[in-house]
Amino acid sequence: MNILTETEWRAHNNNHITRARRYTDDHLARRKAGTTHPIFDFLFEYYPIRVSHLHRWHPGIGIGLADPQRTSPHSAWRYYYHHNGVTTADVSAFLAAHKPAITQIRTILTNTTANPTRFDCFGLHEWAMVYRTDHPRHNLPLRLTPAETNQVVEQHTIKCTHFDAYRFFTPGAQPLNLTVLTRENREHGEQRGCLHATMDLYKWAAKLGPLIPGDLWLDTFELAWQARILDMEASPYDCRSLGFGVVPIETPEGKHEYVHRQRLLAHAGDLLRHRILTTIEQAFAFNYN
């Protein structure tokens, strides 16, 4: 085990909080003011993760904190234990409580990597959510007229592989999807090109709690942040009033830009997914030993 001195772990802890607050301070200010950001607040509202938890730095598996007086906040957190002046994650206790969920996460991430990658969906899931409806999900104007928006959907094959996007399709749009997605088959359909599969790395890392080192968790959050920007810039919504651009996926040029940025996000997601899977395997090996 690598043991961090108090000076070292306090620096890690403070740096983590500072890094997280770059994203959370504005969200908390909006929440206090009763306002929302239609792009970024999705990451705080759709994912049931408390801001206070995002501020928590975890050292991860195999890292101990020199903590003779139990001054670390970790010493009071669930799934940590203190022994001989060192505070560390209680991997065995966490696995005992969450092994089925961890196994499911491993299955989803493994399948995401193994399944054929699609770079031809063009972000049409957002368009399918406003197809032939008078009640768009976001309080933003559409870039095109409703008739033109519907025409974009009808002129493409919807190839969504992410159930949690598909379930928000309008009733008229769901039959247009190439595949019928269900909760039962969601574990088997994920693929690495999907923006929402990339965003979900943040969720899976959060569910792994003290097993995931804080830098990895914030890496997944920051990647989700970038994926969300493309998600909305390529959507039917006009986000220019918020300072964002437009990726007009209804045009060849827009499709080219979308796929280029999608590939970059997928590659970054590959690296983080590998790190998460490696952590899961370390946890199972640690518990076995």
C-alpha atoms as a PDB file:
ATOM      1  CA  MET A   1       0.000   0.000   0.000  1.00  0.00           C
ATOM      2  CA  ASN A   2       1.163   3.505  -0.835  1.00  0.00           C
ATOM      3  CA  ILE A   3       0.644   5.807   2.158  1.00  0.00           C
ATOM      4  CA  LEU A   4       0.284   9.536   1.610  1.00  0.00           C
ATOM      5  CA  THR A   5       1.525  11.938   4.261  1.00  0.00           C
ATOM      6  CA  GLU A   6      -0.963  14.367   5.721  1.00  0.00           C
ATOM      7  CA  THR A   7       0.571  17.168   3.668  1.00  0.00           C
ATOM      8  CA  GLU A   8       0.172  15.100   0.503  1.00  0.00           C
ATOM      9  CA  TRP A   9      -3.394  13.957   1.032  1.00  0.00           C
ATOM     10  CA  ARG A  10      -4.546  17.402   2.104  1.00  0.00           C
ATOM     11  CA  ALA A  11      -3.095  18.823  -1.114  1.00  0.00           C
ATOM     12  CA  HIS A  12      -4.881  16.169  -3.179  1.00  0.00           C
ATOM     13  CA  ASN A  13      -8.119  16.858  -1.336  1.00  0.00           C
ATOM     14  CA  ASN A  14      -7.910  20.624  -1.769  1.00  0.00           C
ATOM     15  CA  ASN A  15      -6.953  20.373  -5.435  1.00  0.00           C
ATOM     16  CA  HIS A  16      -9.910  18.092  -6.078  1.00  0.00           C
ATOM     17  CA  ILE A  17     -12.353  20.507  -4.466  1.00  0.00           C
ATOM     18  CA  THR A  18     -10.924  23.431  -6.432  1.00  0.00           C
ATOM     19  CA  ARG A  19     -11.193  21.504  -9.687  1.00  0.00           C
ATOM     20  CA  ALA A  20     -14.769  20.402  -8.996  1.00  0.00           C
ATOM     21  CA  ARG A  21     -15.877  23.901  -8.037  1.00  0.00           C
ATOM     22  CA  ARG A  22     -14.998  25.185 -11.504  1.00  0.00           C
ATOM     23  CA  TYR A  23     -18.199  23.418 -12.551  1.00  0.00           C
ATOM     24  CA  THR A  24     -20.310  23.349  -9.410  1.00  0.00           C
ATOM     25  CA  ASP A  25     -20.128  26.961  -8.225  1.00  0.00           C
ATOM     26  CA  ASP A  26     -22.166  28.314 -11.127  1.00  0.00           C
ATOM     27  CA  HIS A  27     -24.684  25.491 -10.794  1.00  0.00           C
ATOM     28  CA  LEU A  28     -25.160  26.163  -7.082  1.00  0.00           C
ATOM     29  CA  ALA A  29     -25.552  29.890  -7.762  1.00  0.00           C
ATOM     30  CA  ARG A  30     -28.231  29.159 -10.362  1.00  0.00           C
ATOM     31  CA  ARG A  31     -30.015  26.793  -8.032  1.00  0.00           C
ATOM     32  CA  LYS A  32     -30.038  29.440  -5.311  1.00  0.00           C
ATOM     33  CA  ALA A  33     -31.407  31.986  -7.780  1.00  0.00           C
ATOM     34  CA  GLY A  34     -34.036  29.560  -9.062  1.00  0.00           C
ATOM     35  CA  THR A  35     -32.636  29.475 -12.609  1.00  0.00           C
ATOM     36  CA  THR A  36     -31.260  26.677 -14.753  1.00  0.00           C
ATOM     37  CA  HIS A  37     -28.793  26.183 -17.590  1.00  0.00           C
ATOM     38  CA  PRO A  38     -30.395  24.029 -20.313  1.00  0.00           C
ATOM     39  CA  ILE A  39     -27.078  22.459 -21.289  1.00  0.00           C
ATOM     40  CA  PHE A  40     -24.942  22.011 -18.211  1.00  0.00           C
ATOM     41  CA  ASP A  41     -27.515  21.506 -15.470  1.00  0.00           C
ATOM     42  CA  PHE A  42     -28.455  18.256 -17.193  1.00  0.00           C
ATOM     43  CA  LEU A  43     -25.313  16.754 -15.638  1.00  0.00           C
ATOM     44  CA  PHE A  44     -26.468  17.736 -12.152  1.00  0.00           C
ATOM     45  CA  GLU A  45     -30.157  16.945 -12.543  1.00  0.00           C
ATOM     46  CA  TYR A  46     -30.307  13.859 -14.772  1.00  0.00           C
ATOM     47  CA  TYR A  47     -27.579  12.080 -12.828  1.00  0.00           C
ATOM     48  CA  PRO A  48     -28.650  11.653  -9.183  1.00  0.00           C
ATOM     49  CA  ILE A  49     -25.289  12.681  -7.732  1.00  0.00           C
ATOM     50  CA  ARG A  50     -25.049  15.319  -5.042  1.00  0.00           C
ATOM     51  CA  VAL A  51     -22.757  18.260  -5.648  1.00  0.00           C
ATOM     52  CA  SER A  52     -21.303  17.710  -2.181  1.00  0.00           C
ATOM     53  CA  HIS A  53     -20.308  14.194  -3.221  1.00  0.00           C
ATOM     54  CA  LEU A  54     -18.603  15.486  -6.370  1.00  0.00           C
ATOM     55  CA  HIS A  55     -16.462  17.598  -4.050  1.00  0.00           C
ATOM     56  CA  ARG A  56     -15.258  14.471  -2.242  1.00  0.00           C
ATOM     57  CA  TRP A  57     -11.793  13.286  -3.128  1.00  0.00           C
ATOM     58  CA  HIS A  58     -11.207   9.538  -2.865  1.00  0.00           C
ATOM     59  CA  PRO A  59      -7.637   8.225  -2.920  1.00  0.00           C
ATOM     60  CA  GLY A  60      -8.693   4.938  -4.541  1.00  0.00           C
ATOM     61  CA  ILE A  61      -7.664   1.333  -4.036  1.00  0.00           C
ATOM     62  CA  GLY A  62      -4.275   0.703  -2.484  1.00  0.00           C
ATOM     63  CA  ILE A  63      -3.756   4.265  -1.269  1.00  0.00           C
ATOM     64  CA  GLY A  64      -3.721   4.963   2.463  1.00  0.00           C
ATOM     65  CA  LEU A  65      -3.822   8.267   4.287  1.00  0.00           C
ATOM     66  CA  ALA A  66      -1.467   8.886   7.184  1.00  0.00           C
ATOM     67  CA  ASP A  67      -4.105   9.815   9.717  1.00  0.00           C
ATOM     68  CA  PRO A  68      -2.983   9.117  13.304  1.00  0.00           C
ATOM     69  CA  GLN A  69      -5.447  11.596  14.808  1.00  0.00           C
ATOM     70  CA  ARG A  70      -8.264  10.742  12.388  1.00  0.00           C
ATOM     71  CA  THR A  71      -8.296  14.275  11.053  1.00  0.00           C
ATOM     72  CA  SER A  72      -9.158  13.236   7.497  1.00  0.00           C
ATOM     73  CA  PRO A  73     -12.820  13.545   6.492  1.00  0.00           C
ATOM     74  CA  HIS A  74     -12.488  10.031   5.081  1.00  0.00           C
ATOM     75  CA  SER A  75     -12.176   8.534   8.548  1.00  0.00           C
ATOM     76  CA  ALA A  76     -15.850   9.384   9.128  1.00  0.00           C
ATOM     77  CA  TRP A  77     -17.096   8.313   5.706  1.00  0.00           C
ATOM     78  CA  ARG A  78     -18.858   5.056   5.010  1.00  0.00           C
ATOM     79  CA  TYR A  79     -16.721   2.331   3.419  1.00  0.00           C
ATOM     80  CA  TYR A  80     -13.489   3.576   4.958  1.00  0.00           C
ATOM     81  CA  TYR A  81     -11.653   2.067   7.878  1.00  0.00           C
ATOM     82  CA  HIS A  82      -8.868   3.166  10.159  1.00  0.00           C
ATOM     83  CA  HIS A  83      -6.070   0.875  11.304  1.00  0.00           C
ATOM     84  CA  ASN A  84      -2.679   1.596  12.825  1.00  0.00           C
ATOM     85  CA  GLY A  85      -2.932   5.293  12.109  1.00  0.00           C
ATOM     86  CA  VAL A  86      -3.882   4.857   8.440  1.00  0.00           C
ATOM     87  CA  THR A  87      -7.281   5.523   6.838  1.00  0.00           C
ATOM     88  CA  THR A  88      -8.085   3.681   3.630  1.00  0.00           C
ATOM     89  CA  ALA A  89     -11.019   2.511   1.534  1.00  0.00           C
ATOM     90  CA  ASP A  90     -12.720  -0.594   2.893  1.00  0.00           C
ATOM     91  CA  VAL A  91     -12.789  -2.484  -0.381  1.00  0.00           C
ATOM     92  CA  SER A  92     -14.189  -5.679   1.120  1.00  0.00           C
ATOM     93  CA  ALA A  93     -17.107  -3.902   2.777  1.00  0.00           C
ATOM     94  CA  PHE A  94     -17.930  -1.974  -0.393  1.00  0.00           C
ATOM     95  CA  LEU A  95     -17.876  -5.134  -2.508  1.00  0.00           C
ATOM     96  CA  ALA A  96     -20.004  -6.990   0.015  1.00  0.00           C
ATOM     97  CA  ALA A  97     -22.655  -4.278  -0.226  1.00  0.00           C
ATOM     98  CA  HIS A  98     -22.489  -3.568  -3.960  1.00  0.00           C
ATOM     99  CA  LYS A  99     -21.094  -6.588  -5.787  1.00  0.00           C
ATOM    100  CA  PRO A 100     -24.155  -7.180  -8.051  1.00  0.00           C
ATOM    101  CA  ALA A 101     -24.143  -3.530  -9.152  1.00  0.00           C
ATOM    102  CA  ILE A 102     -20.388  -3.555  -9.723  1.00  0.00           C
ATOM    103  CA  THR A 103     -20.680  -6.744 -11.767  1.00  0.00           C
ATOM    104  CA  GLN A 104     -23.400  -5.123 -13.875  1.00  0.00           C
ATOM    105  CA  ILE A 105     -21.226  -2.050 -14.461  1.00  0.00           C
ATOM    106  CA  ARG A 106     -18.369  -4.285 -15.569  1.00  0.00           C
ATOM    107  CA  THR A 107     -20.702  -6.076 -17.998  1.00  0.00           C
ATOM    108  CA  ILE A 108     -22.007  -2.815 -19.473  1.00  0.00           C
ATOM    109  CA  LEU A 109     -18.533  -1.326 -19.908  1.00  0.00           C
ATOM    110  CA  THR A 110     -17.107  -4.534 -21.361  1.00  0.00           C
ATOM    111  CA  ASN A 111     -19.982  -4.813 -23.835  1.00  0.00           C
ATOM    112  CA  THR A 112     -19.644  -1.141 -24.755  1.00  0.00           C
ATOM    113  CA  THR A 113     -16.052  -1.777 -25.758  1.00  0.00           C
ATOM    114  CA  ALA A 114     -16.766  -5.047 -27.574  1.00  0.00           C
ATOM    115  CA  ASN A 115     -19.869  -4.044 -29.537  1.00  0.00           C
ATOM    116  CA  PRO A 116     -19.587  -2.660 -33.090  1.00  0.00           C
ATOM    117  CA  THR A 117     -19.042   1.097 -32.983  1.00  0.00           C
ATOM    118  CA  ARG A 118     -21.500   3.418 -34.733  1.00  0.00           C
ATOM    119  CA  PHE A 119     -20.428   6.792 -36.027  1.00  0.00           C
ATOM    120  CA  ASP A 120     -23.522   7.290 -38.173  1.00  0.00           C
ATOM    121  CA  CYS A 121     -26.200   8.235 -35.648  1.00  0.00           C
ATOM    122  CA  PHE A 122     -25.469  11.976 -36.045  1.00  0.00           C
ATOM    123  CA  GLY A 123     -27.044  12.833 -32.693  1.00  0.00           C
ATOM    124  CA  LEU A 124     -30.566  12.312 -34.012  1.00  0.00           C
ATOM    125  CA  HIS A 125     -31.765  11.140 -30.607  1.00  0.00           C
ATOM    126  CA  GLU A 126     -32.352  14.781 -29.620  1.00  0.00           C
ATOM    127  CA  TRP A 127     -34.360  15.326 -32.780  1.00  0.00           C
ATOM    128  CA  ALA A 128     -36.447  12.227 -32.053  1.00  0.00           C
ATOM    129  CA  MET A 129     -37.344  13.735 -28.682  1.00  0.00           C
ATOM    130  CA  VAL A 130     -39.042  16.719 -30.349  1.00  0.00           C
ATOM    131  CA  TYR A 131     -40.549  14.886 -33.322  1.00  0.00           C
ATOM    132  CA  ARG A 132     -44.143  15.927 -33.877  1.00  0.00           C
ATOM    133  CA  THR A 133     -44.596  17.397 -30.420  1.00  0.00           C
ATOM    134  CA  ASP A 134     -45.700  20.791 -29.180  1.00  0.00           C
ATOM    135  CA  HIS A 135     -43.764  20.349 -25.946  1.00  0.00           C
ATOM    136  CA  PRO A 136     -39.963  20.249 -26.461  1.00  0.00           C
ATOM    137  CA  ARG A 137     -37.935  19.094 -23.482  1.00  0.00           C
ATOM    138  CA  HIS A 138     -35.864  22.273 -23.207  1.00  0.00           C
ATOM    139  CA  ASN A 139     -36.885  25.902 -22.954  1.00  0.00           C
ATOM    140  CA  LEU A 140     -34.917  26.883 -26.044  1.00  0.00           C
ATOM    141  CA  PRO A 141     -36.011  27.862 -29.548  1.00  0.00           C
ATOM    142  CA  LEU A 142     -35.656  25.376 -32.374  1.00  0.00           C
ATOM    143  CA  ARG A 143     -33.185  26.167 -35.172  1.00  0.00           C
ATOM    144  CA  LEU A 144     -35.670  25.078 -37.838  1.00  0.00           C
ATOM    145  CA  THR A 145     -39.424  25.273 -38.116  1.00  0.00           C
ATOM    146  CA  PRO A 146     -41.375  22.356 -36.595  1.00  0.00           C
ATOM    147  CA  ALA A 147     -42.152  21.054 -40.082  1.00  0.00           C
ATOM    148  CA  GLU A 148     -38.479  21.230 -41.108  1.00  0.00           C
ATOM    149  CA  THR A 149     -37.442  19.551 -37.843  1.00  0.00           C
ATOM    150  CA  ASN A 150     -39.875  16.703 -38.453  1.00  0.00           C
ATOM    151  CA  GLN A 151     -38.582  16.367 -42.009  1.00  0.00           C
ATOM    152  CA  VAL A 152     -35.002  15.908 -40.758  1.00  0.00           C
ATOM    153  CA  VAL A 153     -36.162  12.984 -38.625  1.00  0.00           C
ATOM    154  CA  GLU A 154     -38.187  11.443 -41.438  1.00  0.00           C
ATOM    155  CA  GLN A 155     -35.334  11.703 -43.956  1.00  0.00           C
ATOM    156  CA  HIS A 156     -32.899   9.778 -41.765  1.00  0.00           C
ATOM    157  CA  THR A 157     -32.750   6.338 -40.211  1.00  0.00           C
ATOM    158  CA  ILE A 158     -32.634   6.731 -36.433  1.00  0.00           C
ATOM    159  CA  LYS A 159     -29.873   4.446 -35.139  1.00  0.00           C
ATOM    160  CA  CYS A 160     -29.919   5.107 -31.399  1.00  0.00           C
ATOM    161  CA  THR A 161     -28.390   2.369 -29.216  1.00  0.00           C
ATOM    162  CA  HIS A 162     -28.877   4.042 -25.824  1.00  0.00           C
ATOM    163  CA  PHE A 163     -32.065   3.098 -23.990  1.00  0.00           C
ATOM    164  CA  ASP A 164     -32.026   6.114 -21.669  1.00  0.00           C
ATOM    165  CA  ALA A 165     -32.201   8.383 -24.727  1.00  0.00           C
ATOM    166  CA  TYR A 166     -34.644   6.175 -26.623  1.00  0.00           C
ATOM    167  CA  ARG A 167     -37.144   6.170 -23.771  1.00  0.00           C
ATOM    168  CA  PHE A 168     -37.576   9.939 -24.188  1.00  0.00           C
ATOM    169  CA  PHE A 169     -38.405   9.701 -27.905  1.00  0.00           C
ATOM    170  CA  THR A 170     -41.873  10.929 -28.751  1.00  0.00           C
ATOM    171  CA  PRO A 171     -44.407   8.169 -29.479  1.00  0.00           C
ATOM    172  CA  GLY A 172     -44.137   8.896 -33.190  1.00  0.00           C
ATOM    173  CA  ALA A 173     -40.352   8.654 -33.186  1.00  0.00           C
ATOM    174  CA  GLN A 174     -39.807   5.374 -31.330  1.00  0.00           C
ATOM    175  CA  PRO A 175     -41.013   3.166 -34.234  1.00  0.00           C
ATOM    176  CA  LEU A 176     -38.532   4.996 -36.489  1.00  0.00           C
ATOM    177  CA  ASN A 177     -35.545   3.714 -34.540  1.00  0.00           C
ATOM    178  CA  LEU A 178     -33.598   0.948 -36.205  1.00  0.00           C
ATOM    179  CA  THR A 179     -33.735  -1.151 -33.030  1.00  0.00           C
ATOM    180  CA  VAL A 180     -36.350  -1.584 -30.307  1.00  0.00           C
ATOM    181  CA  LEU A 181     -34.556  -0.795 -27.056  1.00  0.00           C
ATOM    182  CA  THR A 182     -35.719  -2.063 -23.671  1.00  0.00           C
ATOM    183  CA  ARG A 183     -34.487  -2.062 -20.097  1.00  0.00           C
ATOM    184  CA  GLU A 184     -33.896  -5.776 -20.469  1.00  0.00           C
ATOM    185  CA  ASN A 185     -31.519  -5.499 -23.422  1.00  0.00           C
ATOM    186  CA  ARG A 186     -29.793  -2.256 -22.414  1.00  0.00           C
ATOM    187  CA  GLU A 187     -26.715  -4.066 -21.056  1.00  0.00           C
ATOM    188  CA  HIS A 188     -26.051  -5.617 -24.435  1.00  0.00           C
ATOM    189  CA  GLY A 189     -26.648  -2.716 -26.813  1.00  0.00           C
ATOM    190  CA  GLU A 190     -24.269  -0.007 -25.629  1.00  0.00           C
ATOM    191  CA  GLN A 191     -21.413   0.985 -27.949  1.00  0.00           C
ATOM    192  CA  ARG A 192     -18.460   3.307 -27.585  1.00  0.00           C
ATOM    193  CA  GLY A 193     -19.484   5.846 -30.246  1.00  0.00           C
ATOM    194  CA  CYS A 194     -22.596   6.890 -28.335  1.00  0.00           C
ATOM    195  CA  LEU A 195     -22.310  10.307 -26.672  1.00  0.00           C
ATOM    196  CA  HIS A 196     -24.537   9.234 -23.825  1.00  0.00           C
ATOM    197  CA  ALA A 197     -22.529   6.074 -23.209  1.00  0.00           C
ATOM    198  CA  THR A 198     -19.527   8.384 -22.891  1.00  0.00           C
ATOM    199  CA  MET A 199     -21.422  10.693 -20.518  1.00  0.00           C
ATOM    200  CA  ASP A 200     -22.518   7.706 -18.454  1.00  0.00           C
ATOM    201  CA  LEU A 201     -18.909   6.965 -17.544  1.00  0.00           C
ATOM    202  CA  TYR A 202     -19.413   9.699 -14.947  1.00  0.00           C
ATOM    203  CA  LYS A 203     -22.394   7.823 -13.522  1.00  0.00           C
ATOM    204  CA  TRP A 204     -20.602   4.480 -13.417  1.00  0.00           C
ATOM    205  CA  ALA A 205     -17.557   6.015 -11.751  1.00  0.00           C
ATOM    206  CA  ALA A 206     -19.818   7.619  -9.146  1.00  0.00           C
ATOM    207  CA  LYS A 207     -21.475   4.294  -8.379  1.00  0.00           C
ATOM    208  CA  LEU A 208     -18.064   2.788  -7.641  1.00  0.00           C
ATOM    209  CA  GLY A 209     -17.631   5.238  -4.768  1.00  0.00           C
ATOM    210  CA  PRO A 210     -14.350   4.948  -2.839  1.00  0.00           C
ATOM    211  CA  LEU A 211     -12.885   2.509  -5.365  1.00  0.00           C
ATOM    212  CA  ILE A 212     -12.429   5.280  -7.944  1.00  0.00           C
ATOM    213  CA  PRO A 213      -9.649   7.822  -7.381  1.00  0.00           C
ATOM    214  CA  GLY A 214     -10.838  11.408  -7.412  1.00  0.00           C
ATOM    215  CA  ASP A 215      -8.871  12.436 -10.497  1.00  0.00           C
ATOM    216  CA  LEU A 216     -10.503   9.674 -12.539  1.00  0.00           C
ATOM    217  CA  TRP A 217     -13.974  10.671 -11.357  1.00  0.00           C
ATOM    218  CA  LEU A 218     -13.442  14.292 -12.346  1.00  0.00           C
ATOM    219  CA  ASP A 219     -11.954  13.157 -15.652  1.00  0.00           C
ATOM    220  CA  THR A 220     -15.240  11.371 -16.402  1.00  0.00           C
ATOM    221  CA  PHE A 221     -17.231  14.438 -15.367  1.00  0.00           C
ATOM    222  CA  GLU A 222     -15.209  16.765 -17.584  1.00  0.00           C
ATOM    223  CA  LEU A 223     -15.582  14.402 -20.544  1.00  0.00           C
ATOM    224  CA  ALA A 224     -19.338  14.270 -19.938  1.00  0.00           C
ATOM    225  CA  TRP A 225     -19.306  18.080 -19.930  1.00  0.00           C
ATOM    226  CA  GLN A 226     -17.661  18.136 -23.366  1.00  0.00           C
ATOM    227  CA  ALA A 227     -19.980  15.443 -24.719  1.00  0.00           C
ATOM    228  CA  ARG A 228     -22.990  17.406 -23.516  1.00  0.00           C
ATOM    229  CA  ILE A 229     -21.839  20.448 -25.493  1.00  0.00           C
ATOM    230  CA  LEU A 230     -21.748  18.446 -28.733  1.00  0.00           C
ATOM    231  CA  ASP A 231     -25.021  16.769 -27.787  1.00  0.00           C
ATOM    232  CA  MET A 232     -26.789  20.133 -27.702  1.00  0.00           C
ATOM    233  CA  GLU A 233     -24.898  21.911 -30.486  1.00  0.00           C
ATOM    234  CA  ALA A 234     -25.986  19.089 -32.817  1.00  0.00           C
ATOM    235  CA  SER A 235     -29.545  19.102 -31.496  1.00  0.00           C
ATOM    236  CA  PRO A 236     -32.546  20.849 -33.053  1.00  0.00           C
ATOM    237  CA  TYR A 237     -32.265  23.548 -30.389  1.00  0.00           C
ATOM    238  CA  ASP A 238     -30.656  26.919 -31.083  1.00  0.00           C
ATOM    239  CA  CYS A 239     -28.067  27.362 -28.326  1.00  0.00           C
ATOM    240  CA  ARG A 240     -26.325  30.391 -29.808  1.00  0.00           C
ATOM    241  CA  SER A 241     -27.877  32.737 -27.246  1.00  0.00           C
ATOM    242  CA  LEU A 242     -25.922  30.783 -24.611  1.00  0.00           C
ATOM    243  CA  GLY A 243     -22.646  31.251 -26.450  1.00  0.00           C
ATOM    244  CA  PHE A 244     -22.541  27.882 -28.206  1.00  0.00           C
ATOM    245  CA  GLY A 245     -22.218  26.993 -31.849  1.00  0.00           C
ATOM    246  CA  VAL A 246     -24.297  24.947 -34.256  1.00  0.00           C
ATOM    247  CA  VAL A 247     -23.450  21.553 -35.722  1.00  0.00           C
ATOM    248  CA  PRO A 248     -26.062  21.316 -38.508  1.00  0.00           C
ATOM    249  CA  ILE A 249     -26.296  17.551 -38.796  1.00  0.00           C
ATOM    250  CA  GLU A 250     -28.982  17.963 -41.460  1.00  0.00           C
ATOM    251  CA  THR A 251     -26.151  18.966 -43.848  1.00  0.00           C
ATOM    252  CA  PRO A 252     -23.119  16.985 -45.111  1.00  0.00           C
ATOM    253  CA  GLU A 253     -20.789  19.523 -43.494  1.00  0.00           C
ATOM    254  CA  GLY A 254     -22.553  19.201 -40.160  1.00  0.00           C
ATOM    255  CA  LYS A 255     -22.429  15.424 -40.299  1.00  0.00           C
ATOM    256  CA  HIS A 256     -18.685  15.564 -40.980  1.00  0.00           C
ATOM    257  CA  GLU A 257     -18.078  17.853 -38.000  1.00  0.00           C
ATOM    258  CA  TYR A 258     -20.278  15.735 -35.743  1.00  0.00           C
ATOM    259  CA  VAL A 259     -18.468  12.502 -36.575  1.00  0.00           C
ATOM    260  CA  HIS A 260     -15.055  14.137 -36.161  1.00  0.00           C
ATOM    261  CA  ARG A 261     -15.892  15.373 -32.672  1.00  0.00           C
ATOM    262  CA  GLN A 262     -17.727  12.154 -31.827  1.00  0.00           C
ATOM    263  CA  ARG A 263     -14.606  10.136 -32.618  1.00  0.00           C
ATOM    264  CA  LEU A 264     -12.463  12.328 -30.376  1.00  0.00           C
ATOM    265  CA  LEU A 265     -14.910  11.896 -27.503  1.00  0.00           C
ATOM    266  CA  ALA A 266     -15.100   8.147 -28.097  1.00  0.00           C
ATOM    267  CA  HIS A 267     -11.317   7.831 -27.954  1.00  0.00           C
ATOM    268  CA  ALA A 268     -11.177   9.782 -24.690  1.00  0.00           C
ATOM    269  CA  GLY A 269     -13.978   7.599 -23.372  1.00  0.00           C
ATOM    270  CA  ASP A 270     -12.043   4.455 -24.294  1.00  0.00           C
ATOM    271  CA  LEU A 271      -9.180   5.531 -22.056  1.00  0.00           C
ATOM    272  CA  LEU A 272     -11.431   6.308 -19.096  1.00  0.00           C
ATOM    273  CA  ARG A 273     -13.506   3.156 -19.577  1.00  0.00           C
ATOM    274  CA  HIS A 274     -10.306   1.110 -19.486  1.00  0.00           C
ATOM    275  CA  ARG A 275      -9.244   2.814 -16.263  1.00  0.00           C
ATOM    276  CA  ILE A 276     -12.616   2.105 -14.656  1.00  0.00           C
ATOM    277  CA  LEU A 277     -12.560  -1.536 -15.730  1.00  0.00           C
ATOM    278  CA  THR A 278      -9.008  -1.868 -14.427  1.00  0.00           C
ATOM    279  CA  THR A 279     -10.140  -0.483 -11.083  1.00  0.00           C
ATOM    280  CA  ILE A 280     -12.993  -2.974 -10.918  1.00  0.00           C
ATOM    281  CA  GLU A 281     -10.616  -5.854 -11.591  1.00  0.00           C
ATOM    282  CA  GLN A 282      -8.248  -4.532  -8.925  1.00  0.00           C
ATOM    283  CA  ALA A 283     -11.129  -4.436  -6.460  1.00  0.00           C
ATOM    284  CA  PHE A 284     -12.122  -8.026  -7.159  1.00  0.00           C
ATOM    285  CA  ALA A 285      -8.482  -9.158  -6.935  1.00  0.00           C
ATOM    286  CA  PHE A 286      -7.976  -7.193  -3.707  1.00  0.00           C
ATOM    287  CA  ASN A 287     -11.032  -8.781  -2.170  1.00  0.00           C
ATOM    288  CA  TYR A 288      -9.975 -12.262  -3.294  1.00  0.00           C
ATOM    289  CA  ASN A 289      -6.534 -11.851  -1.775  1.00  0.00           C
END
